[in-house]
PDB file of N, CA and C in Angstrom:
ATOM      1  N   MET A   1      24.425  26.066 -21.670  1.00  0.00           N
ATOM      2  CA  MET A   1      23.137  25.880 -22.327  1.00  0.00           C
ATOM      3  C   MET A   1      22.092  26.695 -21.574  1.00  0.00           C
ATOM      4  N   ASP A   2      21.313  27.437 -22.287  1.00  0.00           N
ATOM      5  CA  ASP A   2      20.273  28.236 -21.643  1.00  0.00           C
ATOM      6  C   ASP A   2      19.038  27.384 -21.366  1.00  0.00           C
ATOM      7  N   ALA A   3      18.095  27.930 -20.629  1.00  0.00           N
ATOM      8  CA  ALA A   3      16.900  27.181 -20.237  1.00  0.00           C
ATOM      9  C   ALA A   3      16.089  26.769 -21.449  1.00  0.00           C
ATOM     10  N   GLN A   4      16.040  27.607 -22.463  1.00  0.00           N
ATOM     11  CA  GLN A   4      15.259  27.281 -23.644  1.00  0.00           C
ATOM     12  C   GLN A   4      15.920  26.148 -24.427  1.00  0.00           C
ATOM     13  N   GLY A   5      17.239  26.128 -24.479  1.00  0.00           N
ATOM     14  CA  GLY A   5      17.957  25.052 -25.161  1.00  0.00           C
ATOM     15  C   GLY A   5      17.707  23.716 -24.490  1.00  0.00           C
ATOM     16  N   ALA A   6      17.595  23.708 -23.166  1.00  0.00           N
ATOM     17  CA  ALA A   6      17.348  22.470 -22.432  1.00  0.00           C
ATOM     18  C   ALA A   6      15.947  21.933 -22.713  1.00  0.00           C
ATOM     19  N   THR A   7      14.982  22.826 -22.840  1.00  0.00           N
ATOM     20  CA  THR A   7      13.623  22.366 -23.090  1.00  0.00           C
ATOM     21  C   THR A   7      13.430  21.945 -24.537  1.00  0.00           C
ATOM     22  N   ALA A   8      14.293  22.392 -25.424  1.00  0.00           N
ATOM     23  CA  ALA A   8      14.155  22.037 -26.835  1.00  0.00           C
ATOM     24  C   ALA A   8      14.798  20.682 -27.136  1.00  0.00           C
ATOM     25  N   ASP A   9      15.606  20.139 -26.251  1.00  0.00           N
ATOM     26  CA  ASP A   9      16.287  18.865 -26.461  1.00  0.00           C
ATOM     27  C   ASP A   9      15.281  17.718 -26.346  1.00  0.00           C
ATOM     28  N   PRO A  10      15.016  17.005 -27.451  1.00  0.00           N
ATOM     29  CA  PRO A  10      14.009  15.932 -27.413  1.00  0.00           C
ATOM     30  C   PRO A  10      14.380  14.786 -26.465  1.00  0.00           C
ATOM     31  N   GLN A  11      15.658  14.468 -26.369  1.00  0.00           N
ATOM     32  CA  GLN A  11      16.076  13.399 -25.455  1.00  0.00           C
ATOM     33  C   GLN A  11      15.819  13.792 -24.010  1.00  0.00           C
ATOM     34  N   LEU A  12      16.109  15.042 -23.697  1.00  0.00           N
ATOM     35  CA  LEU A  12      15.865  15.525 -22.339  1.00  0.00           C
ATOM     36  C   LEU A  12      14.371  15.528 -22.032  1.00  0.00           C
ATOM     37  N   GLN A  13      13.570  15.971 -22.985  1.00  0.00           N
ATOM     38  CA  GLN A  13      12.123  15.965 -22.793  1.00  0.00           C
ATOM     39  C   GLN A  13      11.600  14.552 -22.584  1.00  0.00           C
ATOM     40  N   GLN A  14      12.123  13.610 -23.358  1.00  0.00           N
ATOM     41  CA  GLN A  14      11.698  12.212 -23.220  1.00  0.00           C
ATOM     42  C   GLN A  14      12.104  11.670 -21.851  1.00  0.00           C
ATOM     43  N   PHE A  15      13.316  11.995 -21.412  1.00  0.00           N
ATOM     44  CA  PHE A  15      13.787  11.556 -20.100  1.00  0.00           C
ATOM     45  C   PHE A  15      12.905  12.129 -18.991  1.00  0.00           C
ATOM     46  N   ILE A  16      12.589  13.411 -19.088  1.00  0.00           N
ATOM     47  CA  ILE A  16      11.752  14.062 -18.075  1.00  0.00           C
ATOM     48  C   ILE A  16      10.367  13.436 -18.047  1.00  0.00           C
ATOM     49  N   GLU A  17       9.797  13.162 -19.218  1.00  0.00           N
ATOM     50  CA  GLU A  17       8.478  12.533 -19.273  1.00  0.00           C
ATOM     51  C   GLU A  17       8.511  11.139 -18.657  1.00  0.00           C
ATOM     52  N   LEU A  18       9.550  10.372 -18.952  1.00  0.00           N
ATOM     53  CA  LEU A  18       9.687   9.022 -18.391  1.00  0.00           C
ATOM     54  C   LEU A  18       9.802   9.077 -16.868  1.00  0.00           C
ATOM     55  N   GLU A  19      10.600  10.009 -16.370  1.00  0.00           N
ATOM     56  CA  GLU A  19      10.745  10.155 -14.918  1.00  0.00           C
ATOM     57  C   GLU A  19       9.437  10.605 -14.274  1.00  0.00           C
ATOM     58  N   SER A  20       8.701  11.460 -14.950  1.00  0.00           N
ATOM     59  CA  SER A  20       7.391  11.895 -14.433  1.00  0.00           C
ATOM     60  C   SER A  20       6.420  10.727 -14.367  1.00  0.00           C
ATOM     61  N   GLN A  21       6.437   9.884 -15.393  1.00  0.00           N
ATOM     62  CA  GLN A  21       5.581   8.699 -15.385  1.00  0.00           C
ATOM     63  C   GLN A  21       5.956   7.763 -14.245  1.00  0.00           C
ATOM     64  N   LYS A  22       7.245   7.574 -14.012  1.00  0.00           N
ATOM     65  CA  LYS A  22       7.695   6.732 -12.905  1.00  0.00           C
ATOM     66  C   LYS A  22       7.200   7.290 -11.571  1.00  0.00           C
ATOM     67  N   GLN A  23       7.303   8.613 -11.431  1.00  0.00           N
ATOM     68  CA  GLN A  23       6.857   9.249 -10.198  1.00  0.00           C
ATOM     69  C   GLN A  23       5.353   9.071  -9.997  1.00  0.00           C
ATOM     70  N   ARG A  24       4.570   9.256 -11.057  1.00  0.00           N
ATOM     71  CA  ARG A  24       3.113   9.068 -10.949  1.00  0.00           C
ATOM     72  C   ARG A  24       2.783   7.622 -10.583  1.00  0.00           C
ATOM     73  N   PHE A  25       3.507   6.676 -11.180  1.00  0.00           N
ATOM     74  CA  PHE A  25       3.280   5.271 -10.866  1.00  0.00           C
ATOM     75  C   PHE A  25       3.587   4.998  -9.397  1.00  0.00           C
ATOM     76  N   GLN A  26       4.714   5.516  -8.892  1.00  0.00           N
ATOM     77  CA  GLN A  26       5.075   5.321  -7.490  1.00  0.00           C
ATOM     78  C   GLN A  26       4.028   5.931  -6.560  1.00  0.00           C
ATOM     79  N   GLN A  27       3.507   7.097  -6.924  1.00  0.00           N
ATOM     80  CA  GLN A  27       2.460   7.727  -6.109  1.00  0.00           C
ATOM     81  C   GLN A  27       1.200   6.865  -6.099  1.00  0.00           C
ATOM     82  N   LEU A  28       0.867   6.301  -7.250  1.00  0.00           N
ATOM     83  CA  LEU A  28      -0.309   5.447  -7.343  1.00  0.00           C
ATOM     84  C   LEU A  28      -0.146   4.191  -6.480  1.00  0.00           C
ATOM     85  N   VAL A  29       1.017   3.571  -6.539  1.00  0.00           N
ATOM     86  CA  VAL A  29       1.283   2.383  -5.722  1.00  0.00           C
ATOM     87  C   VAL A  29       1.207   2.740  -4.244  1.00  0.00           C
ATOM     88  N   HIS A  30       1.773   3.867  -3.861  1.00  0.00           N
ATOM     89  CA  HIS A  30       1.734   4.291  -2.465  1.00  0.00           C
ATOM     90  C   HIS A  30       0.292   4.525  -2.009  1.00  0.00           C
ATOM     91  N   GLN A  31      -0.471   5.204  -2.834  1.00  0.00           N
ATOM     92  CA  GLN A  31      -1.872   5.485  -2.494  1.00  0.00           C
ATOM     93  C   GLN A  31      -2.664   4.185  -2.384  1.00  0.00           C
ATOM     94  N   MET A  32      -2.453   3.274  -3.329  1.00  0.00           N
ATOM     95  CA  MET A  32      -3.165   2.002  -3.316  1.00  0.00           C
ATOM     96  C   MET A  32      -2.804   1.206  -2.062  1.00  0.00           C
ATOM     97  N   THR A  33      -1.536   1.182  -1.727  1.00  0.00           N
ATOM     98  CA  THR A  33      -1.086   0.462  -0.538  1.00  0.00           C
ATOM     99  C   THR A  33      -1.738   1.030   0.718  1.00  0.00           C
ATOM    100  N   GLU A  34      -1.767   2.334   0.815  1.00  0.00           N
ATOM    101  CA  GLU A  34      -2.348   2.984   1.981  1.00  0.00           C
ATOM    102  C   GLU A  34      -3.848   2.687   2.113  1.00  0.00           C
ATOM    103  N   VAL A  35      -4.578   2.830   1.011  1.00  0.00           N
ATOM    104  CA  VAL A  35      -6.023   2.599   1.022  1.00  0.00           C
ATOM    105  C   VAL A  35      -6.331   1.141   1.386  1.00  0.00           C
ATOM    106  N   CYS A  36      -5.658   0.221   0.712  1.00  0.00           N
ATOM    107  CA  CYS A  36      -5.949  -1.198   0.946  1.00  0.00           C
ATOM    108  C   CYS A  36      -5.503  -1.639   2.341  1.00  0.00           C
ATOM    109  N   TRP A  37      -4.406  -1.084   2.841  1.00  0.00           N
ATOM    110  CA  TRP A  37      -3.948  -1.428   4.188  1.00  0.00           C
ATOM    111  C   TRP A  37      -5.005  -1.014   5.210  1.00  0.00           C
ATOM    112  N   GLU A  38      -5.498   0.219   5.097  1.00  0.00           N
ATOM    113  CA  GLU A  38      -6.511   0.709   6.030  1.00  0.00           C
ATOM    114  C   GLU A  38      -7.793  -0.115   5.944  1.00  0.00           C
ATOM    115  N   LYS A  39      -8.153  -0.531   4.752  1.00  0.00           N
ATOM    116  CA  LYS A  39      -9.392  -1.267   4.552  1.00  0.00           C
ATOM    117  C   LYS A  39      -9.295  -2.713   5.028  1.00  0.00           C
ATOM    118  N   CYS A  40      -8.166  -3.352   4.806  1.00  0.00           N
ATOM    119  CA  CYS A  40      -8.079  -4.810   4.962  1.00  0.00           C
ATOM    120  C   CYS A  40      -7.328  -5.299   6.204  1.00  0.00           C
ATOM    121  N   MET A  41      -6.388  -4.549   6.706  1.00  0.00           N
ATOM    122  CA  MET A  41      -5.527  -5.060   7.767  1.00  0.00           C
ATOM    123  C   MET A  41      -6.100  -4.725   9.132  1.00  0.00           C
ATOM    124  N   ASP A  42      -6.642  -5.745   9.807  1.00  0.00           N
ATOM    125  CA  ASP A  42      -7.187  -5.548  11.153  1.00  0.00           C
ATOM    126  C   ASP A  42      -6.066  -5.487  12.186  1.00  0.00           C
ATOM    127  N   LYS A  43      -5.341  -6.609  12.287  1.00  0.00           N
ATOM    128  CA  LYS A  43      -4.257  -6.723  13.258  1.00  0.00           C
ATOM    129  C   LYS A  43      -3.036  -7.287  12.543  1.00  0.00           C
ATOM    130  N   PRO A  44      -2.004  -6.487  12.369  1.00  0.00           N
ATOM    131  CA  PRO A  44      -0.795  -7.021  11.726  1.00  0.00           C
ATOM    132  C   PRO A  44      -0.217  -8.167  12.548  1.00  0.00           C
ATOM    133  N   GLY A  45       0.211  -9.197  11.868  1.00  0.00           N
ATOM    134  CA  GLY A  45       0.800 -10.345  12.527  1.00  0.00           C
ATOM    135  C   GLY A  45       1.820 -10.991  11.615  1.00  0.00           C
ATOM    136  N   PRO A  46       2.340 -12.140  12.033  1.00  0.00           N
ATOM    137  CA  PRO A  46       3.383 -12.797  11.234  1.00  0.00           C
ATOM    138  C   PRO A  46       2.862 -13.365   9.899  1.00  0.00           C
ATOM    139  N   LYS A  47       1.571 -13.669   9.838  1.00  0.00           N
ATOM    140  CA  LYS A  47       0.989 -14.217   8.615  1.00  0.00           C
ATOM    141  C   LYS A  47      -0.367 -13.573   8.364  1.00  0.00           C
ATOM    142  N   MET A  48      -0.734 -13.516   7.067  1.00  0.00           N
ATOM    143  CA  MET A  48      -2.069 -13.023   6.716  1.00  0.00           C
ATOM    144  C   MET A  48      -3.016 -14.210   6.633  1.00  0.00           C
ATOM    145  N   ASP A  49      -4.213 -14.035   7.166  1.00  0.00           N
ATOM    146  CA  ASP A  49      -5.207 -15.092   6.993  1.00  0.00           C
ATOM    147  C   ASP A  49      -5.814 -14.971   5.597  1.00  0.00           C
ATOM    148  N   SER A  50      -6.576 -15.971   5.200  1.00  0.00           N
ATOM    149  CA  SER A  50      -7.114 -16.001   3.833  1.00  0.00           C
ATOM    150  C   SER A  50      -8.095 -14.850   3.586  1.00  0.00           C
ATOM    151  N   ARG A  51      -8.847 -14.437   4.598  1.00  0.00           N
ATOM    152  CA  ARG A  51      -9.783 -13.330   4.437  1.00  0.00           C
ATOM    153  C   ARG A  51      -9.039 -12.033   4.145  1.00  0.00           C
ATOM    154  N   THR A  52      -7.974 -11.785   4.884  1.00  0.00           N
ATOM    155  CA  THR A  52      -7.180 -10.575   4.680  1.00  0.00           C
ATOM    156  C   THR A  52      -6.515 -10.599   3.308  1.00  0.00           C
ATOM    157  N   GLU A  53      -5.990 -11.747   2.931  1.00  0.00           N
ATOM    158  CA  GLU A  53      -5.351 -11.878   1.626  1.00  0.00           C
ATOM    159  C   GLU A  53      -6.349 -11.620   0.499  1.00  0.00           C
ATOM    160  N   MET A  54      -7.554 -12.165   0.632  1.00  0.00           N
ATOM    161  CA  MET A  54      -8.597 -11.951  -0.377  1.00  0.00           C
ATOM    162  C   MET A  54      -9.013 -10.483  -0.414  1.00  0.00           C
ATOM    163  N   CYS A  55      -9.090  -9.852   0.744  1.00  0.00           N
ATOM    164  CA  CYS A  55      -9.443  -8.432   0.813  1.00  0.00           C
ATOM    165  C   CYS A  55      -8.405  -7.591   0.070  1.00  0.00           C
ATOM    166  N   PHE A  56      -7.125  -7.852   0.318  1.00  0.00           N
ATOM    167  CA  PHE A  56      -6.068  -7.118  -0.375  1.00  0.00           C
ATOM    168  C   PHE A  56      -6.159  -7.327  -1.883  1.00  0.00           C
ATOM    169  N   SER A  57      -6.371  -8.551  -2.290  1.00  0.00           N
ATOM    170  CA  SER A  57      -6.458  -8.864  -3.714  1.00  0.00           C
ATOM    171  C   SER A  57      -7.617  -8.112  -4.368  1.00  0.00           C
ATOM    172  N   ASN A  58      -8.789  -8.175  -3.745  1.00  0.00           N
ATOM    173  CA  ASN A  58      -9.961  -7.470  -4.277  1.00  0.00           C
ATOM    174  C   ASN A  58      -9.758  -5.954  -4.270  1.00  0.00           C
ATOM    175  N   CYS A  59      -9.166  -5.446  -3.215  1.00  0.00           N
ATOM    176  CA  CYS A  59      -8.940  -4.003  -3.100  1.00  0.00           C
ATOM    177  C   CYS A  59      -8.026  -3.518  -4.223  1.00  0.00           C
ATOM    178  N   VAL A  60      -6.934  -4.221  -4.436  1.00  0.00           N
ATOM    179  CA  VAL A  60      -5.990  -3.832  -5.485  1.00  0.00           C
ATOM    180  C   VAL A  60      -6.649  -3.921  -6.857  1.00  0.00           C
ATOM    181  N   GLU A  61      -7.382  -4.985  -7.107  1.00  0.00           N
ATOM    182  CA  GLU A  61      -8.060  -5.140  -8.403  1.00  0.00           C
ATOM    183  C   GLU A  61      -9.067  -4.017  -8.633  1.00  0.00           C
ATOM    184  N   ARG A  62      -9.852  -3.660  -7.629  1.00  0.00           N
ATOM    185  CA  ARG A  62     -10.827  -2.577  -7.786  1.00  0.00           C
ATOM    186  C   ARG A  62     -10.123  -1.233  -7.981  1.00  0.00           C
ATOM    187  N   PHE A  63      -9.026  -1.038  -7.263  1.00  0.00           N
ATOM    188  CA  PHE A  63      -8.266   0.189  -7.398  1.00  0.00           C
ATOM    189  C   PHE A  63      -7.732   0.327  -8.824  1.00  0.00           C
ATOM    190  N   ILE A  64      -7.194  -0.752  -9.369  1.00  0.00           N
ATOM    191  CA  ILE A  64      -6.682  -0.746 -10.739  1.00  0.00           C
ATOM    192  C   ILE A  64      -7.820  -0.530 -11.727  1.00  0.00           C
ATOM    193  N   ASP A  65      -8.936  -1.236 -11.539  1.00  0.00           N
ATOM    194  CA  ASP A  65     -10.097  -1.062 -12.426  1.00  0.00           C
ATOM    195  C   ASP A  65     -10.575   0.390 -12.431  1.00  0.00           C
ATOM    196  N   THR A  66     -10.673   0.965 -11.247  1.00  0.00           N
ATOM    197  CA  THR A  66     -11.148   2.344 -11.122  1.00  0.00           C
ATOM    198  C   THR A  66     -10.174   3.318 -11.786  1.00  0.00           C
ATOM    199  N   SER A  67      -8.892   3.121 -11.551  1.00  0.00           N
ATOM    200  CA  SER A  67      -7.890   3.992 -12.164  1.00  0.00           C
ATOM    201  C   SER A  67      -7.943   3.898 -13.680  1.00  0.00           C
ATOM    202  N   GLN A  68      -8.079   2.689 -14.197  1.00  0.00           N
ATOM    203  CA  GLN A  68      -8.150   2.502 -15.644  1.00  0.00           C
ATOM    204  C   GLN A  68      -9.408   3.156 -16.215  1.00  0.00           C
ATOM    205  N   PHE A  69     -10.523   3.020 -15.528  1.00  0.00           N
ATOM    206  CA  PHE A  69     -11.775   3.641 -15.960  1.00  0.00           C
ATOM    207  C   PHE A  69     -11.620   5.164 -16.041  1.00  0.00           C
ATOM    208  N   ILE A  70     -11.037   5.740 -15.003  1.00  0.00           N
ATOM    209  CA  ILE A  70     -10.846   7.193 -14.971  1.00  0.00           C
ATOM    210  C   ILE A  70      -9.920   7.638 -16.097  1.00  0.00           C
ATOM    211  N   LEU A  71      -8.822   6.922 -16.308  1.00  0.00           N
ATOM    212  CA  LEU A  71      -7.905   7.274 -17.393  1.00  0.00           C
ATOM    213  C   LEU A  71      -8.600   7.201 -18.744  1.00  0.00           C
ATOM    214  N   ASN A  72      -9.394   6.172 -18.964  1.00  0.00           N
ATOM    215  CA  ASN A  72     -10.126   6.041 -20.228  1.00  0.00           C
ATOM    216  C   ASN A  72     -11.094   7.207 -20.423  1.00  0.00           C
ATOM    217  N   ARG A  73     -11.788   7.588 -19.361  1.00  0.00           N
ATOM    218  CA  ARG A  73     -12.734   8.710 -19.463  1.00  0.00           C
ATOM    219  C   ARG A  73     -12.004  10.022 -19.749  1.00  0.00           C
ATOM    220  N   LEU A  74     -10.850  10.211 -19.120  1.00  0.00           N
ATOM    221  CA  LEU A  74     -10.082  11.428 -19.358  1.00  0.00           C
ATOM    222  C   LEU A  74      -9.555  11.475 -20.789  1.00  0.00           C
ATOM    223  N   GLU A  75      -9.183  10.333 -21.332  1.00  0.00           N
ATOM    224  CA  GLU A  75      -8.715  10.282 -22.712  1.00  0.00           C
ATOM    225  C   GLU A  75      -9.855  10.564 -23.688  1.00  0.00           C
ATOM    226  N   GLN A  76     -11.068  10.136 -23.356  1.00  0.00           N
ATOM    227  CA  GLN A  76     -12.217  10.328 -24.229  1.00  0.00           C
ATOM    228  C   GLN A  76     -12.787  11.738 -24.136  1.00  0.00           C
ATOM    229  N   ALA A  77     -12.573  12.422 -23.032  1.00  0.00           N
ATOM    230  CA  ALA A  77     -13.159  13.745 -22.811  1.00  0.00           C
ATOM    231  C   ALA A  77     -12.786  14.748 -23.904  1.00  0.00           C
ATOM    232  N   PRO A  78     -11.511  14.878 -24.277  1.00  0.00           N
ATOM    233  CA  PRO A  78     -11.197  15.846 -25.340  1.00  0.00           C
ATOM    234  C   PRO A  78     -11.833  15.472 -26.684  1.00  0.00           C
ATOM    235  N   LYS A  79     -11.957  14.199 -26.964  1.00  0.00           N
ATOM    236  CA  LYS A  79     -12.574  13.758 -28.211  1.00  0.00           C
ATOM    237  C   LYS A  79     -14.051  14.132 -28.243  1.00  0.00           C
ATOM    238  N   SER A  80     -14.751  13.900 -27.137  1.00  0.00           N
ATOM    239  CA  SER A  80     -16.183  14.209 -27.097  1.00  0.00           C
ATOM    240  C   SER A  80     -16.420  15.718 -27.100  1.00  0.00           C
ATOM    241  N   ARG A  81     -15.537  16.494 -26.487  1.00  0.00           N
ATOM    242  CA  ARG A  81     -15.676  17.950 -26.520  1.00  0.00           C
ATOM    243  C   ARG A  81     -15.483  18.473 -27.936  1.00  0.00           C
ATOM    244  N   GLY A  82     -14.564  17.864 -28.671  1.00  0.00           N
ATOM    245  CA  GLY A  82     -14.323  18.281 -30.049  1.00  0.00           C
ATOM    246  C   GLY A  82     -15.534  18.067 -30.933  1.00  0.00           C
ATOM    247  N   ALA A  83     -16.351  17.076 -30.617  1.00  0.00           N
ATOM    248  CA  ALA A  83     -17.550  16.785 -31.409  1.00  0.00           C
ATOM    249  C   ALA A  83     -18.605  17.867 -31.224  1.00  0.00           C
ATOM    250  N   PHE A  84     -18.575  18.580 -30.078  1.00  0.00           N
ATOM    251  CA  PHE A  84     -19.596  19.595 -29.804  1.00  0.00           C
ATOM    252  C   PHE A  84     -19.162  20.990 -30.226  1.00  0.00           C
ATOM    253  N   ASP A  85     -17.895  21.168 -30.595  1.00  0.00           N
ATOM    254  CA  ASP A  85     -17.400  22.498 -30.971  1.00  0.00           C
ATOM    255  C   ASP A  85     -17.904  22.919 -32.330  1.00  0.00           C
TER     256      ASP A  85
END
């Protein structure tokens, strides 16, 4: 199969897109973990205190909210540009 035949296969394209989405999700989780760890974890220990737990919860929620906001704006951008053309 040549390179063009591989790109024309809809199942292969769907598989590649699904794997790309998984990779983006994993990168997002890694980034969120890193940011929230730096922000919230003072001294690692055997248990998290309630303040640290609340910090992690708030950090993750804000990270998700921000990501969703950005995705929504990016989805709307082509629509709004089309209105000005």
